[in-house]
Structure formats: C-alpha cells, structure tokens
Amino acid sequence: MAYNDFLEDRINQVFNEKGVLFKAKRMMGGLCYMVDEKMCVGIVGNQLMCRINPDIYEEALKKKGCKEMNFTGRAMKGFIFVDETAIDKQGDLEYWIQLCLDFNPLAKNSKKKK
C-alpha cells in the first residue's frame, strides 16, 4: 500500500520546525517515524497513525476523524488512526503530532530481534 507523500512532507516539516530528531522507516505498508528509537507517528495510506498515551486513548477516539488502529482484528490501545480530513489544517496535524511527542518519552522501546 502506498502512503501519502504530501502528508510525509508535512510531518517532516513539523518535526524539523520543532527540532525533533527522527528516522523515517518503511513498515506496516506505510511509513513510520521513529523518535528515540521508538515508534511515534506514521502514515498508512492517507491516514496519520499516532502512538498516544493510553490514558487519553478513549478521549481521543471521540474526536473527529479518529478511530482505533486495528490490523489484526483487535484494537491496539494507545495507537489510533486519524483520517486525512481531520488533519487538513496544519494546527490539527501539529496537535496530533504533539500528543505523540508528549507520550514518546514514556513509551517502551520495542524488543529488538536477535
């Protein structure tokens, strides 16, 4: 599945303006942004994938264009998709990215494969 190149440019711009060191990696059929070697945000198709604090997960799902991330038939708590219409405005995109950046220091690193 291809991902939205324009959204990629917008995310890169937000990270660069905030001075965030990141690495973009192709994974899960899209593009994933790693911050401090932890999954932070990503792009799947035209959607923004966000890794947010599980404590605000239920509240986030009530927001326009937000839905649970479900790849396997089971929702992954703390991971959400935000529809492209809900991040059309730059301030909205920055809001979701900031939620991800706020949670990043608290997030656990994924286990490295040996």
PDB file of N, CA and C in Angstrom:
ATOM      1  N   MET A   1       0.842  -1.173   0.000  1.00  0.00           N
ATOM      2  CA  MET A   1       0.000   0.000   0.000  1.00  0.00           C
ATOM      3  C   MET A   1       0.889   1.239   0.000  1.00  0.00           C
ATOM      4  N   ALA A   2       0.586   2.155  -0.885  1.00  0.00           N
ATOM      5  CA  ALA A   2       1.330   3.403  -0.938  1.00  0.00           C
ATOM      6  C   ALA A   2       0.840   4.334   0.160  1.00  0.00           C
ATOM      7  N   TYR A   3       1.679   5.258   0.522  1.00  0.00           N
ATOM      8  CA  TYR A   3       1.289   6.239   1.530  1.00  0.00           C
ATOM      9  C   TYR A   3       1.329   7.635   0.913  1.00  0.00           C
ATOM     10  N   ASN A   4       0.689   8.564   1.572  1.00  0.00           N
ATOM     11  CA  ASN A   4       0.513   9.924   1.104  1.00  0.00           C
ATOM     12  C   ASN A   4       1.828  10.714   1.211  1.00  0.00           C
ATOM     13  N   ASP A   5       2.417  11.031   0.067  1.00  0.00           N
ATOM     14  CA  ASP A   5       3.687  11.765   0.032  1.00  0.00           C
ATOM     15  C   ASP A   5       3.545  13.182   0.575  1.00  0.00           C
ATOM     16  N   PHE A   6       2.407  13.813   0.319  1.00  0.00           N
ATOM     17  CA  PHE A   6       2.188  15.177   0.817  1.00  0.00           C
ATOM     18  C   PHE A   6       2.146  15.180   2.339  1.00  0.00           C
ATOM     19  N   LEU A   7       1.484  14.175   2.928  1.00  0.00           N
ATOM     20  CA  LEU A   7       1.447  14.068   4.388  1.00  0.00           C
ATOM     21  C   LEU A   7       2.856  13.827   4.931  1.00  0.00           C
ATOM     22  N   GLU A   8       3.642  13.045   4.223  1.00  0.00           N
ATOM     23  CA  GLU A   8       5.041  12.830   4.620  1.00  0.00           C
ATOM     24  C   GLU A   8       5.792  14.158   4.700  1.00  0.00           C
ATOM     25  N   ASP A   9       5.628  14.990   3.676  1.00  0.00           N
ATOM     26  CA  ASP A   9       6.298  16.300   3.666  1.00  0.00           C
ATOM     27  C   ASP A   9       5.843  17.161   4.837  1.00  0.00           C
ATOM     28  N   ARG A  10       4.548  17.128   5.123  1.00  0.00           N
ATOM     29  CA  ARG A  10       4.003  17.935   6.225  1.00  0.00           C
ATOM     30  C   ARG A  10       4.546  17.472   7.577  1.00  0.00           C
ATOM     31  N   ILE A  11       4.620  16.159   7.777  1.00  0.00           N
ATOM     32  CA  ILE A  11       5.152  15.626   9.038  1.00  0.00           C
ATOM     33  C   ILE A  11       6.629  15.981   9.177  1.00  0.00           C
ATOM     34  N   ASN A  12       7.382  15.804   8.102  1.00  0.00           N
ATOM     35  CA  ASN A  12       8.799  16.172   8.125  1.00  0.00           C
ATOM     36  C   ASN A  12       8.964  17.635   8.518  1.00  0.00           C
ATOM     37  N   GLN A  13       8.125  18.502   7.976  1.00  0.00           N
ATOM     38  CA  GLN A  13       8.197  19.927   8.279  1.00  0.00           C
ATOM     39  C   GLN A  13       7.928  20.186   9.762  1.00  0.00           C
ATOM     40  N   VAL A  14       6.906  19.529  10.319  1.00  0.00           N
ATOM     41  CA  VAL A  14       6.582  19.724  11.741  1.00  0.00           C
ATOM     42  C   VAL A  14       7.752  19.286  12.611  1.00  0.00           C
ATOM     43  N   PHE A  15       8.290  18.095  12.335  1.00  0.00           N
ATOM     44  CA  PHE A  15       9.419  17.607  13.132  1.00  0.00           C
ATOM     45  C   PHE A  15      10.623  18.543  13.015  1.00  0.00           C
ATOM     46  N   ASN A  16      10.906  18.977  11.807  1.00  0.00           N
ATOM     47  CA  ASN A  16      12.050  19.866  11.605  1.00  0.00           C
ATOM     48  C   ASN A  16      11.859  21.202  12.315  1.00  0.00           C
ATOM     49  N   GLU A  17      10.656  21.766  12.242  1.00  0.00           N
ATOM     50  CA  GLU A  17      10.387  23.037  12.922  1.00  0.00           C
ATOM     51  C   GLU A  17      10.503  22.900  14.437  1.00  0.00           C
ATOM     52  N   LYS A  18      10.159  21.736  14.970  1.00  0.00           N
ATOM     53  CA  LYS A  18      10.235  21.502  16.409  1.00  0.00           C
ATOM     54  C   LYS A  18      11.635  21.059  16.839  1.00  0.00           C
ATOM     55  N   GLY A  19      12.521  20.818  15.877  1.00  0.00           N
ATOM     56  CA  GLY A  19      13.872  20.380  16.190  1.00  0.00           C
ATOM     57  C   GLY A  19      13.931  18.942  16.683  1.00  0.00           C
ATOM     58  N   VAL A  20      12.984  18.131  16.248  1.00  0.00           N
ATOM     59  CA  VAL A  20      12.913  16.728  16.675  1.00  0.00           C
ATOM     60  C   VAL A  20      13.808  15.876  15.779  1.00  0.00           C
ATOM     61  N   LEU A  21      14.679  15.095  16.407  1.00  0.00           N
ATOM     62  CA  LEU A  21      15.488  14.141  15.658  1.00  0.00           C
ATOM     63  C   LEU A  21      14.642  12.903  15.420  1.00  0.00           C
ATOM     64  N   PHE A  22      14.552  12.468  14.171  1.00  0.00           N
ATOM     65  CA  PHE A  22      13.704  11.336  13.830  1.00  0.00           C
ATOM     66  C   PHE A  22      14.320  10.523  12.707  1.00  0.00           C
ATOM     67  N   LYS A  23      13.814   9.338  12.556  1.00  0.00           N
ATOM     68  CA  LYS A  23      14.198   8.477  11.446  1.00  0.00           C
ATOM     69  C   LYS A  23      12.903   7.942  10.848  1.00  0.00           C
ATOM     70  N   ALA A  24      12.748   8.069   9.553  1.00  0.00           N
ATOM     71  CA  ALA A  24      11.567   7.542   8.867  1.00  0.00           C
ATOM     72  C   ALA A  24      11.907   6.157   8.318  1.00  0.00           C
ATOM     73  N   LYS A  25      11.021   5.184   8.579  1.00  0.00           N
ATOM     74  CA  LYS A  25      11.239   3.811   8.126  1.00  0.00           C
ATOM     75  C   LYS A  25       9.973   3.291   7.444  1.00  0.00           C
ATOM     76  N   ARG A  26      10.160   2.604   6.363  1.00  0.00           N
ATOM     77  CA  ARG A  26       9.020   1.947   5.726  1.00  0.00           C
ATOM     78  C   ARG A  26       8.673   0.702   6.540  1.00  0.00           C
ATOM     79  N   MET A  27       7.418   0.637   6.967  1.00  0.00           N
ATOM     80  CA  MET A  27       6.952  -0.557   7.670  1.00  0.00           C
ATOM     81  C   MET A  27       5.431  -0.554   7.713  1.00  0.00           C
ATOM     82  N   MET A  28       4.849  -1.690   7.931  1.00  0.00           N
ATOM     83  CA  MET A  28       3.409  -1.878   8.036  1.00  0.00           C
ATOM     84  C   MET A  28       2.680  -1.321   6.813  1.00  0.00           C
ATOM     85  N   GLY A  29       3.285  -1.435   5.648  1.00  0.00           N
ATOM     86  CA  GLY A  29       2.653  -0.953   4.430  1.00  0.00           C
ATOM     87  C   GLY A  29       2.631   0.559   4.311  1.00  0.00           C
ATOM     88  N   GLY A  30       3.376   1.245   5.146  1.00  0.00           N
ATOM     89  CA  GLY A  30       3.389   2.699   5.117  1.00  0.00           C
ATOM     90  C   GLY A  30       4.737   3.230   5.533  1.00  0.00           C
ATOM     91  N   LEU A  31       4.718   4.349   6.207  1.00  0.00           N
ATOM     92  CA  LEU A  31       5.940   4.989   6.672  1.00  0.00           C
ATOM     93  C   LEU A  31       5.795   5.253   8.158  1.00  0.00           C
ATOM     94  N   CYS A  32       6.817   4.896   8.915  1.00  0.00           N
ATOM     95  CA  CYS A  32       6.779   5.067  10.359  1.00  0.00           C
ATOM     96  C   CYS A  32       7.914   5.996  10.770  1.00  0.00           C
ATOM     97  N   TYR A  33       7.593   6.912  11.675  1.00  0.00           N
ATOM     98  CA  TYR A  33       8.583   7.841  12.198  1.00  0.00           C
ATOM     99  C   TYR A  33       9.023   7.378  13.575  1.00  0.00           C
ATOM    100  N   MET A  34      10.317   7.168  13.701  1.00  0.00           N
ATOM    101  CA  MET A  34      10.908   6.738  14.958  1.00  0.00           C
ATOM    102  C   MET A  34      11.550   7.958  15.626  1.00  0.00           C
ATOM    103  N   VAL A  35      11.241   8.139  16.905  1.00  0.00           N
ATOM    104  CA  VAL A  35      11.850   9.196  17.721  1.00  0.00           C
ATOM    105  C   VAL A  35      12.435   8.497  18.935  1.00  0.00           C
ATOM    106  N   ASP A  36      13.702   8.696  19.190  1.00  0.00           N
ATOM    107  CA  ASP A  36      14.409   7.990  20.261  1.00  0.00           C
ATOM    108  C   ASP A  36      14.266   6.471  20.119  1.00  0.00           C
ATOM    109  N   GLU A  37      14.321   6.012  18.864  1.00  0.00           N
ATOM    110  CA  GLU A  37      14.235   4.591  18.526  1.00  0.00           C
ATOM    111  C   GLU A  37      12.906   3.956  18.922  1.00  0.00           C
ATOM    112  N   LYS A  38      11.856   4.791  19.049  1.00  0.00           N
ATOM    113  CA  LYS A  38      10.519   4.297  19.381  1.00  0.00           C
ATOM    114  C   LYS A  38       9.531   4.811  18.347  1.00  0.00           C
ATOM    115  N   MET A  39       8.566   3.961  17.991  1.00  0.00           N
ATOM    116  CA  MET A  39       7.541   4.353  17.052  1.00  0.00           C
ATOM    117  C   MET A  39       6.770   5.538  17.628  1.00  0.00           C
ATOM    118  N   CYS A  40       6.639   6.602  16.836  1.00  0.00           N
ATOM    119  CA  CYS A  40       5.983   7.818  17.309  1.00  0.00           C
ATOM    120  C   CYS A  40       4.723   8.102  16.482  1.00  0.00           C
ATOM    121  N   VAL A  41       4.890   8.361  15.206  1.00  0.00           N
ATOM    122  CA  VAL A  41       3.767   8.569  14.294  1.00  0.00           C
ATOM    123  C   VAL A  41       4.056   7.822  13.012  1.00  0.00           C
ATOM    124  N   GLY A  42       3.066   7.738  12.150  1.00  0.00           N
ATOM    125  CA  GLY A  42       3.264   7.083  10.877  1.00  0.00           C
ATOM    126  C   GLY A  42       2.188   7.470   9.892  1.00  0.00           C
ATOM    127  N   ILE A  43       2.362   6.967   8.687  1.00  0.00           N
ATOM    128  CA  ILE A  43       1.389   7.182   7.625  1.00  0.00           C
ATOM    129  C   ILE A  43       1.005   5.817   7.077  1.00  0.00           C
ATOM    130  N   VAL A  44      -0.280   5.549   7.048  1.00  0.00           N
ATOM    131  CA  VAL A  44      -0.811   4.335   6.427  1.00  0.00           C
ATOM    132  C   VAL A  44      -1.863   4.808   5.435  1.00  0.00           C
ATOM    133  N   GLY A  45      -1.551   4.693   4.154  1.00  0.00           N
ATOM    134  CA  GLY A  45      -2.440   5.235   3.135  1.00  0.00           C
ATOM    135  C   GLY A  45      -2.496   6.747   3.276  1.00  0.00           C
ATOM    136  N   ASN A  46      -3.695   7.268   3.536  1.00  0.00           N
ATOM    137  CA  ASN A  46      -3.874   8.712   3.737  1.00  0.00           C
ATOM    138  C   ASN A  46      -4.117   9.059   5.200  1.00  0.00           C
ATOM    139  N   GLN A  47      -3.942   8.088   6.078  1.00  0.00           N
ATOM    140  CA  GLN A  47      -4.212   8.292   7.496  1.00  0.00           C
ATOM    141  C   GLN A  47      -2.924   8.518   8.283  1.00  0.00           C
ATOM    142  N   LEU A  48      -3.051   9.318   9.332  1.00  0.00           N
ATOM    143  CA  LEU A  48      -1.966   9.501  10.272  1.00  0.00           C
ATOM    144  C   LEU A  48      -2.107   8.440  11.357  1.00  0.00           C
ATOM    145  N   MET A  49      -1.073   7.681  11.602  1.00  0.00           N
ATOM    146  CA  MET A  49      -1.070   6.706  12.691  1.00  0.00           C
ATOM    147  C   MET A  49      -0.376   7.383  13.861  1.00  0.00           C
ATOM    148  N   CYS A  50      -1.029   7.373  15.021  1.00  0.00           N
ATOM    149  CA  CYS A  50      -0.492   8.057  16.196  1.00  0.00           C
ATOM    150  C   CYS A  50      -0.321   7.079  17.347  1.00  0.00           C
ATOM    151  N   ARG A  51       0.808   7.176  18.028  1.00  0.00           N
ATOM    152  CA  ARG A  51       1.037   6.429  19.268  1.00  0.00           C
ATOM    153  C   ARG A  51       0.902   7.437  20.403  1.00  0.00           C
ATOM    154  N   ILE A  52      -0.213   7.322  21.118  1.00  0.00           N
ATOM    155  CA  ILE A  52      -0.527   8.284  22.165  1.00  0.00           C
ATOM    156  C   ILE A  52      -0.580   7.594  23.521  1.00  0.00           C
ATOM    157  N   ASN A  53      -0.638   8.396  24.549  1.00  0.00           N
ATOM    158  CA  ASN A  53      -0.732   7.866  25.903  1.00  0.00           C
ATOM    159  C   ASN A  53      -2.026   7.053  26.049  1.00  0.00           C
ATOM    160  N   PRO A  54      -1.946   5.805  26.466  1.00  0.00           N
ATOM    161  CA  PRO A  54      -3.157   5.007  26.648  1.00  0.00           C
ATOM    162  C   PRO A  54      -4.151   5.636  27.623  1.00  0.00           C
ATOM    163  N   ASP A  55      -3.685   6.514  28.504  1.00  0.00           N
ATOM    164  CA  ASP A  55      -4.577   7.187  29.443  1.00  0.00           C
ATOM    165  C   ASP A  55      -5.542   8.153  28.750  1.00  0.00           C
ATOM    166  N   ILE A  56      -5.188   8.638  27.555  1.00  0.00           N
ATOM    167  CA  ILE A  56      -6.078   9.546  26.835  1.00  0.00           C
ATOM    168  C   ILE A  56      -6.691   8.902  25.588  1.00  0.00           C
ATOM    169  N   TYR A  57      -6.469   7.609  25.431  1.00  0.00           N
ATOM    170  CA  TYR A  57      -6.926   6.859  24.265  1.00  0.00           C
ATOM    171  C   TYR A  57      -8.441   6.989  24.055  1.00  0.00           C
ATOM    172  N   GLU A  58      -9.233   6.714  25.064  1.00  0.00           N
ATOM    173  CA  GLU A  58     -10.694   6.743  24.930  1.00  0.00           C
ATOM    174  C   GLU A  58     -11.182   8.144  24.583  1.00  0.00           C
ATOM    175  N   GLU A  59     -10.609   9.146  25.190  1.00  0.00           N
ATOM    176  CA  GLU A  59     -10.994  10.530  24.899  1.00  0.00           C
ATOM    177  C   GLU A  59     -10.624  10.901  23.464  1.00  0.00           C
ATOM    178  N   ALA A  60      -9.465  10.455  23.007  1.00  0.00           N
ATOM    179  CA  ALA A  60      -9.025  10.756  21.644  1.00  0.00           C
ATOM    180  C   ALA A  60      -9.968  10.145  20.617  1.00  0.00           C
ATOM    181  N   LEU A  61     -10.473   8.963  20.900  1.00  0.00           N
ATOM    182  CA  LEU A  61     -11.373   8.291  19.952  1.00  0.00           C
ATOM    183  C   LEU A  61     -12.669   9.060  19.728  1.00  0.00           C
ATOM    184  N   LYS A  62     -13.000   9.973  20.603  1.00  0.00           N
ATOM    185  CA  LYS A  62     -14.220  10.777  20.474  1.00  0.00           C
ATOM    186  C   LYS A  62     -14.024  11.963  19.525  1.00  0.00           C
ATOM    187  N   LYS A  63     -12.791  12.238  19.156  1.00  0.00           N
ATOM    188  CA  LYS A  63     -12.507  13.391  18.304  1.00  0.00           C
ATOM    189  C   LYS A  63     -12.809  13.070  16.839  1.00  0.00           C
ATOM    190  N   LYS A  64     -13.141  14.100  16.102  1.00  0.00           N
ATOM    191  CA  LYS A  64     -13.476  13.984  14.680  1.00  0.00           C
ATOM    192  C   LYS A  64     -12.357  13.289  13.896  1.00  0.00           C
ATOM    193  N   GLY A  65     -12.724  12.287  13.113  1.00  0.00           N
ATOM    194  CA  GLY A  65     -11.774  11.627  12.225  1.00  0.00           C
ATOM    195  C   GLY A  65     -10.845  10.634  12.886  1.00  0.00           C
ATOM    196  N   CYS A  66     -11.041  10.366  14.159  1.00  0.00           N
ATOM    197  CA  CYS A  66     -10.157   9.473  14.905  1.00  0.00           C
ATOM    198  C   CYS A  66     -10.820   8.109  15.079  1.00  0.00           C
ATOM    199  N   LYS A  67     -10.044   7.052  14.884  1.00  0.00           N
ATOM    200  CA  LYS A  67     -10.567   5.704  15.097  1.00  0.00           C
ATOM    201  C   LYS A  67      -9.457   4.794  15.605  1.00  0.00           C
ATOM    202  N   GLU A  68      -9.858   3.675  16.160  1.00  0.00           N
ATOM    203  CA  GLU A  68      -8.868   2.753  16.704  1.00  0.00           C
ATOM    204  C   GLU A  68      -8.042   2.129  15.585  1.00  0.00           C
ATOM    205  N   MET A  69      -6.813   1.815  15.901  1.00  0.00           N
ATOM    206  CA  MET A  69      -5.926   1.133  14.968  1.00  0.00           C
ATOM    207  C   MET A  69      -6.160  -0.356  15.136  1.00  0.00           C
ATOM    208  N   ASN A  70      -6.497  -0.986  14.048  1.00  0.00           N
ATOM    209  CA  ASN A  70      -6.885  -2.383  14.103  1.00  0.00           C
ATOM    210  C   ASN A  70      -6.342  -3.100  12.866  1.00  0.00           C
ATOM    211  N   PHE A  71      -5.201  -3.751  13.015  1.00  0.00           N
ATOM    212  CA  PHE A  71      -4.619  -4.502  11.908  1.00  0.00           C
ATOM    213  C   PHE A  71      -4.978  -5.984  11.986  1.00  0.00           C
ATOM    214  N   THR A  72      -5.186  -6.476  13.169  1.00  0.00           N
ATOM    215  CA  THR A  72      -5.294  -7.920  13.384  1.00  0.00           C
ATOM    216  C   THR A  72      -6.679  -8.370  13.836  1.00  0.00           C
ATOM    217  N   GLY A  73      -7.658  -7.477  13.812  1.00  0.00           N
ATOM    218  CA  GLY A  73      -8.972  -7.815  14.331  1.00  0.00           C
ATOM    219  C   GLY A  73      -9.121  -7.416  15.789  1.00  0.00           C
ATOM    220  N   ARG A  74      -8.060  -6.872  16.350  1.00  0.00           N
ATOM    221  CA  ARG A  74      -8.072  -6.428  17.740  1.00  0.00           C
ATOM    222  C   ARG A  74      -7.426  -5.042  17.813  1.00  0.00           C
ATOM    223  N   ALA A  75      -8.111  -4.125  18.481  1.00  0.00           N
ATOM    224  CA  ALA A  75      -7.586  -2.758  18.594  1.00  0.00           C
ATOM    225  C   ALA A  75      -6.319  -2.746  19.440  1.00  0.00           C
ATOM    226  N   MET A  76      -5.400  -1.884  19.067  1.00  0.00           N
ATOM    227  CA  MET A  76      -4.160  -1.716  19.826  1.00  0.00           C
ATOM    228  C   MET A  76      -4.298  -0.451  20.659  1.00  0.00           C
ATOM    229  N   LYS A  77      -4.515  -0.598  21.959  1.00  0.00           N
ATOM    230  CA  LYS A  77      -4.717   0.556  22.832  1.00  0.00           C
ATOM    231  C   LYS A  77      -3.476   1.445  22.827  1.00  0.00           C
ATOM    232  N   GLY A  78      -3.731   2.723  22.640  1.00  0.00           N
ATOM    233  CA  GLY A  78      -2.631   3.675  22.565  1.00  0.00           C
ATOM    234  C   GLY A  78      -2.227   3.992  21.140  1.00  0.00           C
ATOM    235  N   PHE A  79      -2.763   3.248  20.179  1.00  0.00           N
ATOM    236  CA  PHE A  79      -2.494   3.510  18.766  1.00  0.00           C
ATOM    237  C   PHE A  79      -3.806   3.852  18.084  1.00  0.00           C
ATOM    238  N   ILE A  80      -3.818   4.952  17.340  1.00  0.00           N
ATOM    239  CA  ILE A  80      -5.026   5.384  16.654  1.00  0.00           C
ATOM    240  C   ILE A  80      -4.703   5.798  15.229  1.00  0.00           C
ATOM    241  N   PHE A  81      -5.734   5.839  14.414  1.00  0.00           N
ATOM    242  CA  PHE A  81      -5.654   6.419  13.078  1.00  0.00           C
ATOM    243  C   PHE A  81      -6.426   7.725  13.092  1.00  0.00           C
ATOM    244  N   VAL A  82      -5.891   8.731  12.419  1.00  0.00           N
ATOM    245  CA  VAL A  82      -6.587   9.996  12.247  1.00  0.00           C
ATOM    246  C   VAL A  82      -6.770  10.193  10.745  1.00  0.00           C
ATOM    247  N   ASP A  83      -8.024  10.332  10.342  1.00  0.00           N
ATOM    248  CA  ASP A  83      -8.399  10.483   8.945  1.00  0.00           C
ATOM    249  C   ASP A  83      -7.822  11.777   8.365  1.00  0.00           C
ATOM    250  N   GLU A  84      -7.545  11.766   7.072  1.00  0.00           N
ATOM    251  CA  GLU A  84      -6.926  12.932   6.428  1.00  0.00           C
ATOM    252  C   GLU A  84      -7.777  14.196   6.544  1.00  0.00           C
ATOM    253  N   THR A  85      -9.090  14.068   6.626  1.00  0.00           N
ATOM    254  CA  THR A  85      -9.938  15.256   6.750  1.00  0.00           C
ATOM    255  C   THR A  85      -9.779  15.915   8.118  1.00  0.00           C
ATOM    256  N   ALA A  86      -9.352  15.166   9.116  1.00  0.00           N
ATOM    257  CA  ALA A  86      -9.186  15.699  10.474  1.00  0.00           C
ATOM    258  C   ALA A  86      -7.812  16.340  10.689  1.00  0.00           C
ATOM    259  N   ILE A  87      -6.927  16.205   9.701  1.00  0.00           N
ATOM    260  CA  ILE A  87      -5.590  16.817   9.808  1.00  0.00           C
ATOM    261  C   ILE A  87      -5.316  17.731   8.620  1.00  0.00           C
ATOM    262  N   ASP A  88      -6.392  18.137   7.954  1.00  0.00           N
ATOM    263  CA  ASP A  88      -6.274  19.013   6.794  1.00  0.00           C
ATOM    264  C   ASP A  88      -5.634  20.343   7.177  1.00  0.00           C
ATOM    265  N   LYS A  89      -5.995  20.868   8.330  1.00  0.00           N
ATOM    266  CA  LYS A  89      -5.419  22.126   8.809  1.00  0.00           C
ATOM    267  C   LYS A  89      -4.104  21.833   9.526  1.00  0.00           C
ATOM    268  N   GLN A  90      -3.137  22.694   9.326  1.00  0.00           N
ATOM    269  CA  GLN A  90      -1.813  22.487   9.908  1.00  0.00           C
ATOM    270  C   GLN A  90      -1.864  22.390  11.433  1.00  0.00           C
ATOM    271  N   GLY A  91      -2.678  23.226  12.053  1.00  0.00           N
ATOM    272  CA  GLY A  91      -2.799  23.195  13.513  1.00  0.00           C
ATOM    273  C   GLY A  91      -3.317  21.867  14.020  1.00  0.00           C
ATOM    274  N   ASP A  92      -4.216  21.231  13.270  1.00  0.00           N
ATOM    275  CA  ASP A  92      -4.740  19.924  13.665  1.00  0.00           C
ATOM    276  C   ASP A  92      -3.660  18.850  13.559  1.00  0.00           C
ATOM    277  N   LEU A  93      -2.892  18.879  12.483  1.00  0.00           N
ATOM    278  CA  LEU A  93      -1.788  17.929  12.334  1.00  0.00           C
ATOM    279  C   LEU A  93      -0.785  18.113  13.470  1.00  0.00           C
ATOM    280  N   GLU A  94      -0.442  19.343  13.776  1.00  0.00           N
ATOM    281  CA  GLU A  94       0.507  19.626  14.852  1.00  0.00           C
ATOM    282  C   GLU A  94      -0.025  19.152  16.207  1.00  0.00           C
ATOM    283  N   TYR A  95      -1.333  19.272  16.428  1.00  0.00           N
ATOM    284  CA  TYR A  95      -1.950  18.802  17.672  1.00  0.00           C
ATOM    285  C   TYR A  95      -1.708  17.306  17.859  1.00  0.00           C
ATOM    286  N   TRP A  96      -2.000  16.521  16.837  1.00  0.00           N
ATOM    287  CA  TRP A  96      -1.846  15.066  16.950  1.00  0.00           C
ATOM    288  C   TRP A  96      -0.373  14.666  17.087  1.00  0.00           C
ATOM    289  N   ILE A  97       0.486  15.314  16.329  1.00  0.00           N
ATOM    290  CA  ILE A  97       1.917  15.004  16.432  1.00  0.00           C
ATOM    291  C   ILE A  97       2.424  15.347  17.831  1.00  0.00           C
ATOM    292  N   GLN A  98       1.973  16.461  18.386  1.00  0.00           N
ATOM    293  CA  GLN A  98       2.420  16.839  19.728  1.00  0.00           C
ATOM    294  C   GLN A  98       1.970  15.817  20.774  1.00  0.00           C
ATOM    295  N   LEU A  99       0.753  15.274  20.639  1.00  0.00           N
ATOM    296  CA  LEU A  99       0.315  14.213  21.561  1.00  0.00           C
ATOM    297  C   LEU A  99       1.276  13.026  21.507  1.00  0.00           C
ATOM    298  N   CYS A 100       1.713  12.694  20.302  1.00  0.00           N
ATOM    299  CA  CYS A 100       2.651  11.577  20.129  1.00  0.00           C
ATOM    300  C   CYS A 100       4.007  11.904  20.741  1.00  0.00           C
ATOM    301  N   LEU A 101       4.481  13.115  20.517  1.00  0.00           N
ATOM    302  CA  LEU A 101       5.769  13.524  21.083  1.00  0.00           C
ATOM    303  C   LEU A 101       5.715  13.589  22.603  1.00  0.00           C
ATOM    304  N   ASP A 102       4.574  14.004  23.145  1.00  0.00           N
ATOM    305  CA  ASP A 102       4.423  14.055  24.602  1.00  0.00           C
ATOM    306  C   ASP A 102       4.505  12.667  25.218  1.00  0.00           C
ATOM    307  N   PHE A 103       3.970  11.664  24.520  1.00  0.00           N
ATOM    308  CA  PHE A 103       3.977  10.305  25.050  1.00  0.00           C
ATOM    309  C   PHE A 103       5.311   9.602  24.804  1.00  0.00           C
ATOM    310  N   ASN A 104       6.025  10.007  23.787  1.00  0.00           N
ATOM    311  CA  ASN A 104       7.237   9.286  23.388  1.00  0.00           C
ATOM    312  C   ASN A 104       8.220   8.997  24.521  1.00  0.00           C
ATOM    313  N   PRO A 105       8.526   9.945  25.414  1.00  0.00           N
ATOM    314  CA  PRO A 105       9.469   9.634  26.494  1.00  0.00           C
ATOM    315  C   PRO A 105       8.951   8.549  27.446  1.00  0.00           C
ATOM    316  N   LEU A 106       7.633   8.378  27.518  1.00  0.00           N
ATOM    317  CA  LEU A 106       7.036   7.376  28.403  1.00  0.00           C
ATOM    318  C   LEU A 106       6.877   6.011  27.732  1.00  0.00           C
ATOM    319  N   ALA A 107       6.905   5.997  26.412  1.00  0.00           N
ATOM    320  CA  ALA A 107       6.680   4.767  25.648  1.00  0.00           C
ATOM    321  C   ALA A 107       7.842   3.802  25.815  1.00  0.00           C
ATOM    322  N   LYS A 108       7.500   2.526  25.780  1.00  0.00           N
ATOM    323  CA  LYS A 108       8.534   1.491  25.872  1.00  0.00           C
ATOM    324  C   LYS A 108       9.124   1.241  24.495  1.00  0.00           C
ATOM    325  N   ASN A 109      10.413   0.927  24.478  1.00  0.00           N
ATOM    326  CA  ASN A 109      11.060   0.511  23.235  1.00  0.00           C
ATOM    327  C   ASN A 109      10.531  -0.837  22.821  1.00  0.00           C
ATOM    328  N   SER A 110      10.425  -1.046  21.516  1.00  0.00           N
ATOM    329  CA  SER A 110      10.048  -2.371  21.056  1.00  0.00           C
ATOM    330  C   SER A 110      11.236  -3.306  21.249  1.00  0.00           C
ATOM    331  N   LYS A 111      10.936  -4.574  21.389  1.00  0.00           N
ATOM    332  CA  LYS A 111      12.012  -5.559  21.586  1.00  0.00           C
ATOM    333  C   LYS A 111      12.749  -5.741  20.285  1.00  0.00           C
ATOM    334  N   LYS A 112      14.054  -5.683  20.370  1.00  0.00           N
ATOM    335  CA  LYS A 112      14.897  -5.871  19.183  1.00  0.00           C
ATOM    336  C   LYS A 112      14.997  -7.338  18.851  1.00  0.00           C
ATOM    337  N   LYS A 113      14.879  -7.644  17.546  1.00  0.00           N
ATOM    338  CA  LYS A 113      15.039  -9.030  17.100  1.00  0.00           C
ATOM    339  C   LYS A 113      16.515  -9.378  17.076  1.00  0.00           C
ATOM    340  N   LYS A 114      16.819 -10.578  17.526  1.00  0.00           N
ATOM    341  CA  LYS A 114      18.229 -11.004  17.533  1.00  0.00           C
ATOM    342  C   LYS A 114      18.585 -11.726  16.278  1.00  0.00           C
TER     343      LYS A 114
END
